[in-house]
C-alpha atoms as a PDB file:
ATOM      1  CA  UNK A   1     136.507  83.037  99.616  1.00  0.00           C
ATOM      2  CA  UNK A   2     135.123  85.417 102.245  1.00  0.00           C
ATOM      3  CA  UNK A   3     136.186  84.776 105.865  1.00  0.00           C
ATOM      4  CA  UNK A   4     133.789  83.594 108.586  1.00  0.00           C
ATOM      5  CA  UNK A   5     133.351  87.020 109.859  1.00  0.00           C
ATOM      6  CA  UNK A   6     132.290  88.403 106.487  1.00  0.00           C
ATOM      7  CA  UNK A   7     129.762  85.563 106.113  1.00  0.00           C
ATOM      8  CA  UNK A   8     128.260  86.296 109.512  1.00  0.00           C
ATOM      9  CA  UNK A   9     127.893  89.934 108.611  1.00  0.00           C
ATOM     10  CA  UNK A  10     126.272  89.140 105.298  1.00  0.00           C
ATOM     11  CA  UNK A  11     123.886  86.677 107.046  1.00  0.00           C
ATOM     12  CA  UNK A  12     122.902  89.277 109.675  1.00  0.00           C
ATOM     13  CA  UNK A  13     122.445  91.892 107.038  1.00  0.00           C
ATOM     14  CA  UNK A  14     120.151  89.558 105.014  1.00  0.00           C
ATOM     15  CA  UNK A  15     118.201  88.674 108.104  1.00  0.00           C
ATOM     16  CA  UNK A  16     117.814  92.302 108.872  1.00  0.00           C
ATOM     17  CA  UNK A  17     116.275  92.955 105.452  1.00  0.00           C
ATOM     18  CA  UNK A  18     113.898  90.053 106.059  1.00  0.00           C
ATOM     19  CA  UNK A  19     112.731  91.494 109.363  1.00  0.00           C
ATOM     20  CA  UNK A  20     112.214  94.919 107.745  1.00  0.00           C
ATOM     21  CA  UNK A  21     109.955  93.078 105.156  1.00  0.00           C
ATOM     22  CA  UNK A  22     108.135  91.423 108.031  1.00  0.00           C
ATOM     23  CA  UNK A  23     107.390  94.834 109.568  1.00  0.00           C
ATOM     24  CA  UNK A  24     106.332  96.333 106.179  1.00  0.00           C
ATOM     25  CA  UNK A  25     103.939  93.393 105.607  1.00  0.00           C
ATOM     26  CA  UNK A  26     102.571  93.790 109.164  1.00  0.00           C
ATOM     27  CA  UNK A  27     101.882  97.460 108.432  1.00  0.00           C
ATOM     28  CA  UNK A  28     100.111  96.724 105.218  1.00  0.00           C
ATOM     29  CA  UNK A  29      98.034  94.001 106.792  1.00  0.00           C
ATOM     30  CA  UNK A  30      97.148  96.383 109.716  1.00  0.00           C
ATOM     31  CA  UNK A  31      95.894  98.989 107.232  1.00  0.00           C
ATOM     32  CA  UNK A  32      93.787  96.329 105.431  1.00  0.00           C
ATOM     33  CA  UNK A  33      92.473  95.029 108.718  1.00  0.00           C
ATOM     34  CA  UNK A  34      91.391  98.496 109.776  1.00  0.00           C
ATOM     35  CA  UNK A  35      89.634  98.995 106.455  1.00  0.00           C
ATOM     36  CA  UNK A  36      87.922  95.592 106.732  1.00  0.00           C
ATOM     37  CA  UNK A  37      86.660  96.401 110.239  1.00  0.00           C
ATOM     38  CA  UNK A  38      85.366  99.779 109.236  1.00  0.00           C
ATOM     39  CA  UNK A  39      83.542  98.260 106.244  1.00  0.00           C
ATOM     40  CA  UNK A  40      81.723  95.385 108.117  1.00  0.00           C
ATOM     41  CA  UNK A  41      83.993  92.478 107.149  1.00  0.00           C
ATOM     42  CA  UNK A  42      84.844  91.600 110.773  1.00  0.00           C
ATOM     43  CA  UNK A  43      85.538  87.927 110.311  1.00  0.00           C
ATOM     44  CA  UNK A  44      88.149  88.641 107.578  1.00  0.00           C
ATOM     45  CA  UNK A  45      89.577  91.408 109.772  1.00  0.00           C
ATOM     46  CA  UNK A  46      90.022  88.988 112.570  1.00  0.00           C
ATOM     47  CA  UNK A  47      91.813  86.538 110.253  1.00  0.00           C
ATOM     48  CA  UNK A  48      94.086  89.362 109.043  1.00  0.00           C
ATOM     49  CA  UNK A  49      94.847  90.239 112.738  1.00  0.00           C
ATOM     50  CA  UNK A  50      95.875  86.592 113.356  1.00  0.00           C
ATOM     51  CA  UNK A  51      98.169  86.838 110.344  1.00  0.00           C
ATOM     52  CA  UNK A  52      99.729  90.048 111.908  1.00  0.00           C
ATOM     53  CA  UNK A  53     100.410  88.168 115.216  1.00  0.00           C
ATOM     54  CA  UNK A  54     102.245  85.478 113.155  1.00  0.00           C
ATOM     55  CA  UNK A  55     104.390  88.111 111.488  1.00  0.00           C
ATOM     56  CA  UNK A  56     105.099  89.703 114.854  1.00  0.00           C
ATOM     57  CA  UNK A  57     106.129  86.365 116.426  1.00  0.00           C
ATOM     58  CA  UNK A  58     108.332  85.533 113.410  1.00  0.00           C
ATOM     59  CA  UNK A  59     109.885  89.070 113.341  1.00  0.00           C
ATOM     60  CA  UNK A  60     110.902  88.578 116.996  1.00  0.00           C
ATOM     61  CA  UNK A  61     112.490  85.241 116.199  1.00  0.00           C
ATOM     62  CA  UNK A  62     114.337  86.696 113.219  1.00  0.00           C
ATOM     63  CA  UNK A  63     115.500  89.620 115.310  1.00  0.00           C
ATOM     64  CA  UNK A  64     116.819  87.243 117.979  1.00  0.00           C
ATOM     65  CA  UNK A  65     118.622  85.274 115.333  1.00  0.00           C
ATOM     66  CA  UNK A  66     120.258  88.520 113.990  1.00  0.00           C
ATOM     67  CA  UNK A  67     121.528  89.302 117.450  1.00  0.00           C
ATOM     68  CA  UNK A  68     122.942  85.803 117.883  1.00  0.00           C
ATOM     69  CA  UNK A  69     124.746  85.993 114.589  1.00  0.00           C
ATOM     70  CA  UNK A  70     126.034  89.513 115.231  1.00  0.00           C
ATOM     71  CA  UNK A  71     127.351  88.449 118.748  1.00  0.00           C
ATOM     72  CA  UNK A  72     129.027  85.255 117.436  1.00  0.00           C
END
């Protein structure tokens, strides 16, 4: 069985991958939002922007959790 330190490292590494996914999704949604705005679908673009805000908030929380795990 891995020791507690190895488990913390694995947890932090997994959370890091999740936050990278958050950033990738945010970038993709940003591109779609730009396209929507440029093509007259402003209401949908606004909804996409709100989704990006949620991703940003959650990415910050995940990053904070990663730092707590790595420090513990």
